[in-house]
Amino acid sequence: MALKASDTATQMLWVGNNQRTIDLARHLREHGLWMNAIRPPKEQPGSARMRITLTAAHPSHRILIAYWRVLHGVNV
């Protein structure tokens, strides 16, 4: 998984595999973190990703928790 370069509040986390992206989105929702799974037909096959939108309303500790869960919380 890798973040795409962005100068906006919307970040794209490239996952690649459709099922892994769906599983990641489901896992994060179960833990109170809403990140949209973007996958075909909206994206090219093999380029599924998560859309993450950050705002000033997101406390820094919630962002760090989300980051940790994305990196370590899903075993798919």
PDB file of N, CA and C in Angstrom:
ATOM      1  N   MET A   1       0.849  -1.168   0.000  1.00  0.00           N
ATOM      2  CA  MET A   1       0.000   0.000   0.000  1.00  0.00           C
ATOM      3  C   MET A   1       0.900   1.238   0.000  1.00  0.00           C
ATOM      4  N   ALA A   2       0.455   2.261  -0.710  1.00  0.00           N
ATOM      5  CA  ALA A   2       1.226   3.494  -0.781  1.00  0.00           C
ATOM      6  C   ALA A   2       0.290   4.677  -0.965  1.00  0.00           C
ATOM      7  N   LEU A   3       0.656   5.803  -0.338  1.00  0.00           N
ATOM      8  CA  LEU A   3      -0.094   7.040  -0.545  1.00  0.00           C
ATOM      9  C   LEU A   3       0.343   7.674  -1.852  1.00  0.00           C
ATOM     10  N   LYS A   4      -0.597   8.246  -2.568  1.00  0.00           N
ATOM     11  CA  LYS A   4      -0.295   8.996  -3.776  1.00  0.00           C
ATOM     12  C   LYS A   4       0.021  10.437  -3.377  1.00  0.00           C
ATOM     13  N   ALA A   5       0.831  11.128  -4.148  1.00  0.00           N
ATOM     14  CA  ALA A   5       1.142  12.529  -3.876  1.00  0.00           C
ATOM     15  C   ALA A   5      -0.119  13.368  -4.017  1.00  0.00           C
ATOM     16  N   SER A   6      -0.308  14.302  -3.082  1.00  0.00           N
ATOM     17  CA  SER A   6      -1.488  15.164  -3.120  1.00  0.00           C
ATOM     18  C   SER A   6      -1.218  16.449  -2.363  1.00  0.00           C
ATOM     19  N   ASP A   7      -1.698  17.554  -2.895  1.00  0.00           N
ATOM     20  CA  ASP A   7      -1.606  18.849  -2.219  1.00  0.00           C
ATOM     21  C   ASP A   7      -2.949  19.252  -1.632  1.00  0.00           C
ATOM     22  N   THR A   8      -3.883  18.314  -1.568  1.00  0.00           N
ATOM     23  CA  THR A   8      -5.222  18.609  -1.076  1.00  0.00           C
ATOM     24  C   THR A   8      -5.505  17.789   0.183  1.00  0.00           C
ATOM     25  N   ALA A   9      -6.658  18.023   0.762  1.00  0.00           N
ATOM     26  CA  ALA A   9      -7.065  17.267   1.956  1.00  0.00           C
ATOM     27  C   ALA A   9      -7.421  15.827   1.624  1.00  0.00           C
ATOM     28  N   THR A  10      -7.629  15.526   0.355  1.00  0.00           N
ATOM     29  CA  THR A  10      -7.971  14.167  -0.057  1.00  0.00           C
ATOM     30  C   THR A  10      -6.696  13.416  -0.422  1.00  0.00           C
ATOM     31  N   GLN A  11      -6.516  12.296   0.247  1.00  0.00           N
ATOM     32  CA  GLN A  11      -5.358  11.442  -0.002  1.00  0.00           C
ATOM     33  C   GLN A  11      -5.852  10.127  -0.585  1.00  0.00           C
ATOM     34  N   MET A  12      -5.102   9.580  -1.502  1.00  0.00           N
ATOM     35  CA  MET A  12      -5.433   8.283  -2.080  1.00  0.00           C
ATOM     36  C   MET A  12      -4.408   7.261  -1.614  1.00  0.00           C
ATOM     37  N   LEU A  13      -4.907   6.211  -0.990  1.00  0.00           N
ATOM     38  CA  LEU A  13      -4.051   5.117  -0.542  1.00  0.00           C
ATOM     39  C   LEU A  13      -4.221   3.981  -1.533  1.00  0.00           C
ATOM     40  N   TRP A  14      -3.199   3.726  -2.342  1.00  0.00           N
ATOM     41  CA  TRP A  14      -3.273   2.679  -3.354  1.00  0.00           C
ATOM     42  C   TRP A  14      -3.138   1.328  -2.676  1.00  0.00           C
ATOM     43  N   VAL A  15      -4.116   0.445  -2.915  1.00  0.00           N
ATOM     44  CA  VAL A  15      -4.108  -0.901  -2.351  1.00  0.00           C
ATOM     45  C   VAL A  15      -3.902  -1.921  -3.467  1.00  0.00           C
ATOM     46  N   GLY A  16      -4.584  -1.735  -4.587  1.00  0.00           N
ATOM     47  CA  GLY A  16      -4.415  -2.612  -5.746  1.00  0.00           C
ATOM     48  C   GLY A  16      -5.493  -3.665  -5.884  1.00  0.00           C
ATOM     49  N   ASN A  17      -5.549  -4.589  -4.960  1.00  0.00           N
ATOM     50  CA  ASN A  17      -6.477  -5.711  -5.016  1.00  0.00           C
ATOM     51  C   ASN A  17      -7.865  -5.291  -4.555  1.00  0.00           C
ATOM     52  N   ASN A  18      -8.897  -5.601  -5.358  1.00  0.00           N
ATOM     53  CA  ASN A  18     -10.275  -5.208  -5.026  1.00  0.00           C
ATOM     54  C   ASN A  18     -10.731  -5.756  -3.683  1.00  0.00           C
ATOM     55  N   GLN A  19     -10.576  -7.063  -3.480  1.00  0.00           N
ATOM     56  CA  GLN A  19     -11.073  -7.664  -2.239  1.00  0.00           C
ATOM     57  C   GLN A  19     -10.321  -7.128  -1.026  1.00  0.00           C
ATOM     58  N   ARG A  20      -9.026  -6.943  -1.157  1.00  0.00           N
ATOM     59  CA  ARG A  20      -8.246  -6.392  -0.045  1.00  0.00           C
ATOM     60  C   ARG A  20      -8.720  -4.979   0.289  1.00  0.00           C
ATOM     61  N   THR A  21      -9.048  -4.198  -0.722  1.00  0.00           N
ATOM     62  CA  THR A  21      -9.545  -2.839  -0.510  1.00  0.00           C
ATOM     63  C   THR A  21     -10.886  -2.861   0.211  1.00  0.00           C
ATOM     64  N   ILE A  22     -11.793  -3.749  -0.219  1.00  0.00           N
ATOM     65  CA  ILE A  22     -13.104  -3.883   0.432  1.00  0.00           C
ATOM     66  C   ILE A  22     -12.926  -4.331   1.883  1.00  0.00           C
ATOM     67  N   ASP A  23     -12.053  -5.310   2.112  1.00  0.00           N
ATOM     68  CA  ASP A  23     -11.807  -5.802   3.466  1.00  0.00           C
ATOM     69  C   ASP A  23     -11.226  -4.700   4.357  1.00  0.00           C
ATOM     70  N   LEU A  24     -10.309  -3.916   3.815  1.00  0.00           N
ATOM     71  CA  LEU A  24      -9.712  -2.814   4.571  1.00  0.00           C
ATOM     72  C   LEU A  24     -10.774  -1.785   4.935  1.00  0.00           C
ATOM     73  N   ALA A  25     -11.618  -1.411   3.985  1.00  0.00           N
ATOM     74  CA  ALA A  25     -12.685  -0.435   4.251  1.00  0.00           C
ATOM     75  C   ALA A  25     -13.632  -0.957   5.331  1.00  0.00           C
ATOM     76  N   ARG A  26     -14.001  -2.222   5.247  1.00  0.00           N
ATOM     77  CA  ARG A  26     -14.900  -2.819   6.237  1.00  0.00           C
ATOM     78  C   ARG A  26     -14.250  -2.817   7.629  1.00  0.00           C
ATOM     79  N   HIS A  27     -13.005  -3.221   7.698  1.00  0.00           N
ATOM     80  CA  HIS A  27     -12.281  -3.257   8.974  1.00  0.00           C
ATOM     81  C   HIS A  27     -12.209  -1.869   9.598  1.00  0.00           C
ATOM     82  N   LEU A  28     -11.878  -0.875   8.799  1.00  0.00           N
ATOM     83  CA  LEU A  28     -11.765   0.491   9.324  1.00  0.00           C
ATOM     84  C   LEU A  28     -13.117   1.016   9.793  1.00  0.00           C
ATOM     85  N   ARG A  29     -14.198   0.738   9.035  1.00  0.00           N
ATOM     86  CA  ARG A  29     -15.539   1.159   9.455  1.00  0.00           C
ATOM     87  C   ARG A  29     -15.928   0.525  10.799  1.00  0.00           C
ATOM     88  N   GLU A  30     -15.567  -0.741  10.965  1.00  0.00           N
ATOM     89  CA  GLU A  30     -15.857  -1.431  12.225  1.00  0.00           C
ATOM     90  C   GLU A  30     -15.146  -0.781  13.409  1.00  0.00           C
ATOM     91  N   HIS A  31     -14.080  -0.040  13.119  1.00  0.00           N
ATOM     92  CA  HIS A  31     -13.313   0.650  14.162  1.00  0.00           C
ATOM     93  C   HIS A  31     -13.538   2.163  14.135  1.00  0.00           C
ATOM     94  N   GLY A  32     -14.648   2.587  13.522  1.00  0.00           N
ATOM     95  CA  GLY A  32     -15.037   3.989  13.557  1.00  0.00           C
ATOM     96  C   GLY A  32     -14.307   4.907  12.606  1.00  0.00           C
ATOM     97  N   LEU A  33     -13.654   4.351  11.600  1.00  0.00           N
ATOM     98  CA  LEU A  33     -12.910   5.161  10.632  1.00  0.00           C
ATOM     99  C   LEU A  33     -13.530   4.956   9.253  1.00  0.00           C
ATOM    100  N   TRP A  34     -14.054   6.031   8.664  1.00  0.00           N
ATOM    101  CA  TRP A  34     -14.717   5.925   7.376  1.00  0.00           C
ATOM    102  C   TRP A  34     -13.763   6.350   6.268  1.00  0.00           C
ATOM    103  N   MET A  35     -13.377   5.383   5.434  1.00  0.00           N
ATOM    104  CA  MET A  35     -12.555   5.651   4.258  1.00  0.00           C
ATOM    105  C   MET A  35     -13.196   4.904   3.107  1.00  0.00           C
ATOM    106  N   ASN A  36     -13.439   5.605   2.026  1.00  0.00           N
ATOM    107  CA  ASN A  36     -14.136   5.010   0.883  1.00  0.00           C
ATOM    108  C   ASN A  36     -13.220   4.091   0.088  1.00  0.00           C
ATOM    109  N   ALA A  37     -13.754   2.933  -0.300  1.00  0.00           N
ATOM    110  CA  ALA A  37     -13.061   2.020  -1.203  1.00  0.00           C
ATOM    111  C   ALA A  37     -13.414   2.414  -2.631  1.00  0.00           C
ATOM    112  N   ILE A  38     -12.424   2.748  -3.423  1.00  0.00           N
ATOM    113  CA  ILE A  38     -12.621   3.128  -4.829  1.00  0.00           C
ATOM    114  C   ILE A  38     -12.034   1.997  -5.668  1.00  0.00           C
ATOM    115  N   ARG A  39     -12.877   1.390  -6.507  1.00  0.00           N
ATOM    116  CA  ARG A  39     -12.437   0.231  -7.274  1.00  0.00           C
ATOM    117  C   ARG A  39     -13.176   0.188  -8.609  1.00  0.00           C
ATOM    118  N   PRO A  40     -12.788  -0.743  -9.511  1.00  0.00           N
ATOM    119  CA  PRO A  40     -13.476  -0.833 -10.796  1.00  0.00           C
ATOM    120  C   PRO A  40     -14.984  -0.973 -10.602  1.00  0.00           C
ATOM    121  N   PRO A  41     -15.761  -0.382 -11.481  1.00  0.00           N
ATOM    122  CA  PRO A  41     -15.369   0.192 -12.764  1.00  0.00           C
ATOM    123  C   PRO A  41     -14.887   1.640 -12.684  1.00  0.00           C
ATOM    124  N   LYS A  42     -14.925   2.263 -11.515  1.00  0.00           N
ATOM    125  CA  LYS A  42     -14.468   3.650 -11.409  1.00  0.00           C
ATOM    126  C   LYS A  42     -12.960   3.764 -11.641  1.00  0.00           C
ATOM    127  N   GLU A  43     -12.211   2.749 -11.283  1.00  0.00           N
ATOM    128  CA  GLU A  43     -10.761   2.710 -11.471  1.00  0.00           C
ATOM    129  C   GLU A  43     -10.398   1.566 -12.408  1.00  0.00           C
ATOM    130  N   GLN A  44      -9.191   1.606 -12.920  1.00  0.00           N
ATOM    131  CA  GLN A  44      -8.687   0.521 -13.768  1.00  0.00           C
ATOM    132  C   GLN A  44      -8.553  -0.749 -12.936  1.00  0.00           C
ATOM    133  N   PRO A  45      -8.748  -1.927 -13.537  1.00  0.00           N
ATOM    134  CA  PRO A  45      -8.530  -3.180 -12.798  1.00  0.00           C
ATOM    135  C   PRO A  45      -7.122  -3.201 -12.190  1.00  0.00           C
ATOM    136  N   GLY A  46      -7.043  -3.657 -10.937  1.00  0.00           N
ATOM    137  CA  GLY A  46      -5.756  -3.736 -10.252  1.00  0.00           C
ATOM    138  C   GLY A  46      -5.295  -2.432  -9.619  1.00  0.00           C
ATOM    139  N   SER A  47      -6.150  -1.398  -9.656  1.00  0.00           N
ATOM    140  CA  SER A  47      -5.742  -0.103  -9.090  1.00  0.00           C
ATOM    141  C   SER A  47      -6.716   0.383  -8.016  1.00  0.00           C
ATOM    142  N   ALA A  48      -7.321  -0.559  -7.302  1.00  0.00           N
ATOM    143  CA  ALA A  48      -8.251  -0.186  -6.231  1.00  0.00           C
ATOM    144  C   ALA A  48      -7.515   0.625  -5.172  1.00  0.00           C
ATOM    145  N   ARG A  49      -8.228   1.567  -4.576  1.00  0.00           N
ATOM    146  CA  ARG A  49      -7.598   2.449  -3.594  1.00  0.00           C
ATOM    147  C   ARG A  49      -8.604   2.899  -2.563  1.00  0.00           C
ATOM    148  N   MET A  50      -8.096   3.490  -1.506  1.00  0.00           N
ATOM    149  CA  MET A  50      -8.912   4.062  -0.448  1.00  0.00           C
ATOM    150  C   MET A  50      -8.845   5.579  -0.579  1.00  0.00           C
ATOM    151  N   ARG A  51      -9.986   6.242  -0.455  1.00  0.00           N
ATOM    152  CA  ARG A  51     -10.021   7.702  -0.461  1.00  0.00           C
ATOM    153  C   ARG A  51     -10.115   8.170   0.984  1.00  0.00           C
ATOM    154  N   ILE A  52      -9.135   8.956   1.391  1.00  0.00           N
ATOM    155  CA  ILE A  52      -9.047   9.474   2.753  1.00  0.00           C
ATOM    156  C   ILE A  52      -9.148  10.992   2.665  1.00  0.00           C
ATOM    157  N   THR A  53     -10.092  11.572   3.385  1.00  0.00           N
ATOM    158  CA  THR A  53     -10.237  13.029   3.395  1.00  0.00           C
ATOM    159  C   THR A  53     -10.003  13.536   4.809  1.00  0.00           C
ATOM    160  N   LEU A  54      -8.992  14.369   4.955  1.00  0.00           N
ATOM    161  CA  LEU A  54      -8.638  14.941   6.251  1.00  0.00           C
ATOM    162  C   LEU A  54      -9.161  16.366   6.341  1.00  0.00           C
ATOM    163  N   THR A  55      -9.588  16.746   7.545  1.00  0.00           N
ATOM    164  CA  THR A  55     -10.020  18.124   7.782  1.00  0.00           C
ATOM    165  C   THR A  55      -9.406  18.607   9.087  1.00  0.00           C
ATOM    166  N   ALA A  56      -9.521  19.895   9.337  1.00  0.00           N
ATOM    167  CA  ALA A  56      -9.035  20.459  10.591  1.00  0.00           C
ATOM    168  C   ALA A  56      -9.808  19.904  11.781  1.00  0.00           C
ATOM    169  N   ALA A  57     -10.975  19.336  11.534  1.00  0.00           N
ATOM    170  CA  ALA A  57     -11.783  18.758  12.605  1.00  0.00           C
ATOM    171  C   ALA A  57     -11.246  17.404  13.077  1.00  0.00           C
ATOM    172  N   HIS A  58     -10.318  16.821  12.322  1.00  0.00           N
ATOM    173  CA  HIS A  58      -9.743  15.542  12.721  1.00  0.00           C
ATOM    174  C   HIS A  58      -8.586  15.788  13.685  1.00  0.00           C
ATOM    175  N   PRO A  59      -8.745  15.383  14.949  1.00  0.00           N
ATOM    176  CA  PRO A  59      -7.629  15.539  15.888  1.00  0.00           C
ATOM    177  C   PRO A  59      -6.440  14.691  15.439  1.00  0.00           C
ATOM    178  N   SER A  60      -5.249  15.160  15.694  1.00  0.00           N
ATOM    179  CA  SER A  60      -4.049  14.458  15.223  1.00  0.00           C
ATOM    180  C   SER A  60      -3.981  13.030  15.767  1.00  0.00           C
ATOM    181  N   HIS A  61      -4.460  12.785  16.979  1.00  0.00           N
ATOM    182  CA  HIS A  61      -4.390  11.427  17.514  1.00  0.00           C
ATOM    183  C   HIS A  61      -5.293  10.470  16.725  1.00  0.00           C
ATOM    184  N   ARG A  62      -6.422  10.954  16.195  1.00  0.00           N
ATOM    185  CA  ARG A  62      -7.298  10.097  15.377  1.00  0.00           C
ATOM    186  C   ARG A  62      -6.625   9.766  14.042  1.00  0.00           C
ATOM    187  N   ILE A  63      -5.894  10.716  13.498  1.00  0.00           N
ATOM    188  CA  ILE A  63      -5.174  10.465  12.244  1.00  0.00           C
ATOM    189  C   ILE A  63      -4.097   9.407  12.476  1.00  0.00           C
ATOM    190  N   LEU A  64      -3.380   9.508  13.582  1.00  0.00           N
ATOM    191  CA  LEU A  64      -2.348   8.516  13.891  1.00  0.00           C
ATOM    192  C   LEU A  64      -2.951   7.135  14.137  1.00  0.00           C
ATOM    193  N   ILE A  65      -4.090   7.089  14.805  1.00  0.00           N
ATOM    194  CA  ILE A  65      -4.770   5.808  15.020  1.00  0.00           C
ATOM    195  C   ILE A  65      -5.170   5.203  13.679  1.00  0.00           C
ATOM    196  N   ALA A  66      -5.731   6.014  12.793  1.00  0.00           N
ATOM    197  CA  ALA A  66      -6.127   5.527  11.465  1.00  0.00           C
ATOM    198  C   ALA A  66      -4.914   5.006  10.708  1.00  0.00           C
ATOM    199  N   TYR A  67      -3.825   5.755  10.752  1.00  0.00           N
ATOM    200  CA  TYR A  67      -2.590   5.351  10.068  1.00  0.00           C
ATOM    201  C   TYR A  67      -2.109   3.994  10.602  1.00  0.00           C
ATOM    202  N   TRP A  68      -2.097   3.837  11.917  1.00  0.00           N
ATOM    203  CA  TRP A  68      -1.640   2.593  12.521  1.00  0.00           C
ATOM    204  C   TRP A  68      -2.549   1.435  12.107  1.00  0.00           C
ATOM    205  N   ARG A  69      -3.850   1.662  12.129  1.00  0.00           N
ATOM    206  CA  ARG A  69      -4.782   0.589  11.761  1.00  0.00           C
ATOM    207  C   ARG A  69      -4.634   0.186  10.294  1.00  0.00           C
ATOM    208  N   VAL A  70      -4.403   1.169   9.435  1.00  0.00           N
ATOM    209  CA  VAL A  70      -4.200   0.847   8.021  1.00  0.00           C
ATOM    210  C   VAL A  70      -2.950  -0.018   7.874  1.00  0.00           C
ATOM    211  N   LEU A  71      -1.889   0.350   8.570  1.00  0.00           N
ATOM    212  CA  LEU A  71      -0.623  -0.392   8.428  1.00  0.00           C
ATOM    213  C   LEU A  71      -0.619  -1.737   9.141  1.00  0.00           C
ATOM    214  N   HIS A  72      -1.270  -1.805  10.308  1.00  0.00           N
ATOM    215  CA  HIS A  72      -1.123  -2.999  11.144  1.00  0.00           C
ATOM    216  C   HIS A  72      -2.423  -3.721  11.467  1.00  0.00           C
ATOM    217  N   GLY A  73      -3.547  -3.087  11.228  1.00  0.00           N
ATOM    218  CA  GLY A  73      -4.806  -3.633  11.731  1.00  0.00           C
ATOM    219  C   GLY A  73      -5.497  -4.619  10.828  1.00  0.00           C
ATOM    220  N   VAL A  74      -5.030  -4.795   9.622  1.00  0.00           N
ATOM    221  CA  VAL A  74      -5.737  -5.673   8.690  1.00  0.00           C
ATOM    222  C   VAL A  74      -4.780  -6.754   8.225  1.00  0.00           C
ATOM    223  N   ASN A  75      -5.187  -7.977   8.404  1.00  0.00           N
ATOM    224  CA  ASN A  75      -4.366  -9.109   7.984  1.00  0.00           C
ATOM    225  C   ASN A  75      -5.042  -9.761   6.785  1.00  0.00           C
ATOM    226  N   VAL A  76      -4.902  -9.129   5.624  1.00  0.00           N
ATOM    227  CA  VAL A  76      -5.502  -9.678   4.393  1.00  0.00           C
ATOM    228  C   VAL A  76      -4.450  -9.819   3.337  1.00  0.00           C
TER     229      VAL A  76
END
